[in-house]
Amino acid sequence: METTSRAVAQTPAAEGGQQVPSARRTVDDYLRAPFPWYGLDEAFTGPRWLMQVGMTADGAVEHGSIGHGDEPTVRNEHVAGGDQEAKEKFAVVVTVAANPSRRTADGTGLLEATSVSSAAWLAGVGLLSFTWPGQMDHALRDDWLEQQTETAWVLADDLDGSDWSTLSLPVDGVPTAFHYRESEFGWVLAGSASAGVHVGAYGRGMSAYGLGFAVVKDIAAYV
């Protein structure tokens, strides 16, 4: 998980903070997944858009993200506050295949098991990829991002700790317990669905309270 997940956190940004279009995966990558994708349920009527998938070295799809609302820019001192912040209303849903520890395709090693912590970490670093603290120089952002990524992992590895609270949200119409936390950058949550996947989410400007999740019926419709 670690190798593919870090790539999500460090996706390059274009000038002005917009996500580089070429970094996005096509719908074909989503269609290759052997598990169902999750997004916000039908109560959300705004825009939906594909982001990225994460793969193992042998090309197996392990996780991916779907965005909802306004496509976010990197938030920093130049765009925070005022009208710009009001426009940044988005929620990203991360789906992670629930896999036990298993051997690689060539049989030479082991792949890490995935868990709710995996979903929490991917959501945490996903939020960081759209965050840039004020007063920080361009040259220092990579160091900051690396440090915060490690912090996100520590937090995700301790879901029963005081940094997390419990939030009940519907998944396919069934009330489901999620681990939830807020920070100055936005919010992150993670839990499990009954369809053999873990579900994480992060967002900013859109409240996590009242959200619901459901299986995406037609992923191609998001293109």
Protein backbone atom coordinates (compact mmCIF):
# COMPACT_ATOMS: atom_id res chain seq x y z
CA MET A 1 0.00 0.00 0.00
CA GLU A 2 2.72 2.46 0.92
CA THR A 3 4.34 2.71 -2.51
CA THR A 4 1.15 3.36 -4.47
CA SER A 5 -0.38 5.55 -1.75
CA ARG A 6 2.53 7.97 -1.56
CA ALA A 7 2.18 8.61 -5.28
CA VAL A 8 -1.31 9.94 -4.63
CA ALA A 9 -0.06 12.38 -2.02
CA GLN A 10 2.70 13.72 -4.24
CA THR A 11 0.79 14.23 -7.48
CA PRO A 12 2.31 17.33 -9.12
CA ALA A 13 0.33 20.54 -9.29
CA ALA A 14 0.23 22.94 -12.19
CA GLU A 15 0.98 26.64 -11.94
CA GLY A 16 -1.73 28.32 -9.88
CA GLY A 17 -2.44 25.18 -7.86
CA GLN A 18 -4.62 23.29 -10.34
CA GLN A 19 -4.14 19.54 -10.51
CA VAL A 20 -2.23 18.49 -13.63
CA PRO A 21 -4.77 16.90 -16.03
CA SER A 22 -2.24 14.31 -17.26
CA ALA A 23 -1.95 12.96 -13.72
CA ARG A 24 -5.50 11.67 -13.89
CA ARG A 25 -6.32 8.13 -14.74
CA THR A 26 -8.83 7.30 -17.43
CA VAL A 27 -12.06 5.51 -16.68
CA ASP A 28 -10.47 2.35 -18.07
CA ASP A 29 -8.34 2.06 -14.93
CA TYR A 30 -11.44 2.27 -12.75
CA LEU A 31 -13.17 -0.38 -14.84
CA ARG A 32 -10.26 -2.78 -14.21
CA ALA A 33 -10.93 -2.84 -10.47
CA PRO A 34 -12.33 -6.15 -9.14
CA PHE A 35 -14.25 -4.30 -6.44
CA PRO A 36 -17.11 -1.74 -6.47
CA TRP A 37 -16.41 1.98 -6.32
CA TYR A 38 -18.08 4.21 -3.76
CA GLY A 39 -19.17 7.82 -4.02
CA LEU A 40 -21.64 10.11 -2.32
CA ASP A 41 -25.21 8.85 -2.53
CA GLU A 42 -28.03 10.34 -4.60
CA ALA A 43 -28.69 13.08 -2.05
CA PHE A 44 -25.66 14.85 -3.53
CA THR A 45 -26.68 16.44 -6.85
CA GLY A 46 -23.52 18.41 -7.71
CA PRO A 47 -20.64 17.64 -10.08
CA ARG A 48 -18.75 14.33 -9.81
CA TRP A 49 -15.34 13.68 -11.33
CA LEU A 50 -12.73 10.96 -11.52
CA MET A 51 -9.33 11.47 -9.90
CA GLN A 52 -6.76 8.66 -9.64
CA VAL A 53 -6.38 4.97 -9.03
CA GLY A 54 -3.54 3.26 -7.16
CA MET A 55 -2.02 0.04 -8.47
CA THR A 56 0.38 -2.61 -7.31
CA ALA A 57 3.62 -3.19 -9.22
CA ASP A 58 1.94 -5.90 -11.28
CA GLY A 59 -0.89 -3.57 -12.34
CA ALA A 60 -3.67 -4.67 -9.99
CA VAL A 61 -5.98 -1.84 -8.93
CA GLU A 62 -6.03 -1.45 -5.15
CA HIS A 63 -7.68 1.89 -4.49
CA GLY A 64 -8.95 5.05 -6.13
CA SER A 65 -10.70 8.36 -5.56
CA ILE A 66 -13.81 10.10 -6.87
CA GLY A 67 -14.39 13.82 -6.36
CA HIS A 68 -17.62 15.65 -5.65
CA GLY A 69 -18.35 19.37 -5.82
CA ASP A 70 -15.84 22.01 -6.89
CA GLU A 71 -12.49 20.72 -8.13
CA PRO A 72 -10.12 22.06 -5.45
CA THR A 73 -6.98 24.09 -5.86
CA VAL A 74 -4.07 24.02 -3.44
CA ARG A 75 -5.11 26.18 -0.51
CA ASN A 76 -2.52 28.69 0.65
CA GLU A 77 -2.20 32.23 1.94
CA HIS A 78 -2.98 33.67 -1.49
CA VAL A 79 -6.31 31.90 -1.96
CA ALA A 80 -7.57 31.26 1.57
CA GLY A 81 -10.48 33.32 2.76
CA GLY A 82 -13.07 35.44 0.99
CA ASP A 83 -14.76 34.35 -2.20
CA GLN A 84 -12.10 31.80 -3.14
CA GLU A 85 -12.56 29.81 0.05
CA ALA A 86 -16.33 29.92 -0.41
CA LYS A 87 -15.91 28.20 -3.78
CA GLU A 88 -13.82 25.39 -2.32
CA LYS A 89 -16.64 23.05 -1.42
CA PHE A 90 -15.65 19.49 -2.19
CA ALA A 91 -15.65 15.96 -0.85
CA VAL A 92 -13.49 13.15 -2.19
CA VAL A 93 -14.43 9.51 -1.57
CA VAL A 94 -11.62 6.94 -1.47
CA THR A 95 -12.37 3.26 -2.06
CA VAL A 96 -9.79 0.69 -0.90
CA ALA A 97 -10.03 -3.02 -1.64
CA ALA A 98 -10.14 -5.01 1.62
CA ASN A 99 -7.22 -7.38 1.11
CA PRO A 100 -5.35 -9.61 3.56
CA SER A 101 -1.57 -9.87 3.50
CA ARG A 102 -0.73 -11.73 0.30
CA ARG A 103 2.10 -12.65 -2.01
CA THR A 104 3.10 -10.58 -5.02
CA ALA A 105 2.28 -11.93 -8.48
CA ASP A 106 5.82 -13.28 -8.94
CA GLY A 107 5.77 -14.93 -5.52
CA THR A 108 8.92 -13.16 -4.35
CA GLY A 109 7.41 -10.96 -1.64
CA LEU A 110 4.38 -9.96 0.40
CA LEU A 111 1.93 -7.12 -0.12
CA GLU A 112 0.68 -5.33 2.97
CA ALA A 113 -2.84 -6.04 4.12
CA THR A 114 -5.32 -3.21 3.73
CA SER A 115 -7.57 -1.97 6.53
CA VAL A 116 -9.63 1.00 7.67
CA SER A 117 -6.29 2.58 8.58
CA SER A 118 -5.28 2.34 4.92
CA ALA A 119 -8.39 4.29 3.93
CA ALA A 120 -7.76 6.85 6.68
CA TRP A 121 -4.17 7.39 5.55
CA LEU A 122 -5.08 7.74 1.88
CA ALA A 123 -7.77 10.25 2.80
CA GLY A 124 -5.37 12.15 5.04
CA VAL A 125 -2.64 12.49 2.42
CA GLY A 126 -5.25 13.26 -0.22
CA LEU A 127 -6.35 16.29 1.76
CA LEU A 128 -2.73 17.34 2.20
CA SER A 129 -2.21 17.31 -1.57
CA PHE A 130 -4.58 20.29 -1.77
CA THR A 131 -3.06 22.14 1.17
CA TRP A 132 -0.24 24.64 1.40
CA PRO A 133 0.36 26.50 4.68
CA GLY A 134 0.59 30.25 4.50
CA GLN A 135 4.04 31.89 4.57
CA MET A 136 5.68 28.73 3.18
CA ASP A 137 8.20 28.94 0.36
CA HIS A 138 7.82 26.70 -2.70
CA ALA A 139 11.13 25.01 -1.92
CA LEU A 140 9.96 23.96 1.55
CA ARG A 141 6.62 22.41 0.55
CA ASP A 142 8.06 18.98 -0.31
CA ASP A 143 9.69 18.73 3.14
CA TRP A 144 6.48 19.86 4.80
CA LEU A 145 4.42 17.40 2.76
CA GLU A 146 6.72 14.52 3.69
CA GLN A 147 6.51 15.38 7.38
CA GLN A 148 2.73 15.74 7.29
CA THR A 149 2.39 12.48 5.36
CA GLU A 150 4.22 10.67 8.15
CA THR A 151 1.96 12.40 10.69
CA ALA A 152 -1.09 11.28 8.72
CA TRP A 153 0.17 7.70 8.88
CA VAL A 154 0.71 7.89 12.64
CA LEU A 155 -2.84 9.22 13.08
CA ALA A 156 -4.29 6.57 10.77
CA ASP A 157 -2.50 3.85 12.71
CA ASP A 158 -4.24 4.93 15.93
CA LEU A 159 -7.91 5.20 15.00
CA ASP A 160 -8.94 4.61 18.61
CA GLY A 161 -6.84 7.56 19.80
CA SER A 162 -8.07 10.90 21.08
CA ASP A 163 -7.54 12.59 17.70
CA TRP A 164 -10.50 10.70 16.28
CA SER A 165 -14.20 10.76 17.10
CA THR A 166 -16.99 8.47 15.88
CA LEU A 167 -19.50 9.54 13.26
CA SER A 168 -22.41 7.41 11.99
CA LEU A 169 -23.19 7.83 8.29
CA PRO A 170 -25.23 5.70 5.88
CA VAL A 171 -23.43 3.33 3.50
CA ASP A 172 -25.84 1.85 0.96
CA GLY A 173 -28.59 3.01 3.31
CA VAL A 174 -27.18 1.22 6.36
CA PRO A 175 -25.92 3.32 9.33
CA THR A 176 -22.17 2.73 9.55
CA ALA A 177 -19.60 3.88 12.11
CA PHE A 178 -16.74 6.01 10.79
CA HIS A 179 -13.61 7.35 12.43
CA TYR A 180 -13.62 11.13 11.96
CA ARG A 181 -11.25 14.00 12.60
CA GLU A 182 -10.99 17.68 11.69
CA SER A 183 -7.97 19.91 11.23
CA GLU A 184 -7.22 23.39 9.95
CA PHE A 185 -6.96 21.86 6.48
CA GLY A 186 -10.36 20.14 6.39
CA TRP A 187 -11.84 16.85 7.58
CA VAL A 188 -11.02 13.15 7.14
CA LEU A 189 -13.07 10.03 7.86
CA ALA A 190 -12.74 6.28 7.30
CA GLY A 191 -14.80 3.14 7.79
CA SER A 192 -15.75 -0.12 6.10
CA ALA A 193 -18.52 -1.13 3.70
CA SER A 194 -20.13 -4.53 3.40
CA ALA A 195 -19.00 -4.93 -0.22
CA GLY A 196 -15.45 -5.98 0.60
CA VAL A 197 -13.97 -2.48 0.62
CA HIS A 198 -12.91 0.20 3.05
CA VAL A 199 -14.20 3.73 2.46
CA GLY A 200 -12.34 6.91 3.27
CA ALA A 201 -13.27 10.50 2.53
CA TYR A 202 -11.89 14.00 2.91
CA GLY A 203 -13.19 17.43 2.17
CA ARG A 204 -13.26 21.14 2.80
CA GLY A 205 -16.08 23.65 2.72
CA MET A 206 -18.63 20.82 2.67
CA SER A 207 -19.70 19.38 6.00
CA ALA A 208 -19.14 15.68 6.58
CA TYR A 209 -22.23 15.54 8.77
CA GLY A 210 -25.20 14.40 6.76
CA LEU A 211 -23.18 12.80 3.95
CA GLY A 212 -24.07 9.33 2.73
CA PHE A 213 -22.16 6.82 0.60
CA ALA A 214 -23.34 4.37 -2.04
CA VAL A 215 -21.95 2.05 -4.70
CA VAL A 216 -21.38 3.85 -8.00
CA LYS A 217 -23.72 2.22 -10.50
CA ASP A 218 -21.99 3.49 -13.63
CA ILE A 219 -18.43 4.74 -13.18
CA ALA A 220 -18.28 5.74 -16.87
CA ALA A 221 -20.93 8.39 -16.19
CA TYR A 222 -18.35 10.31 -14.14
CA VAL A 223 -16.16 11.07 -17.17
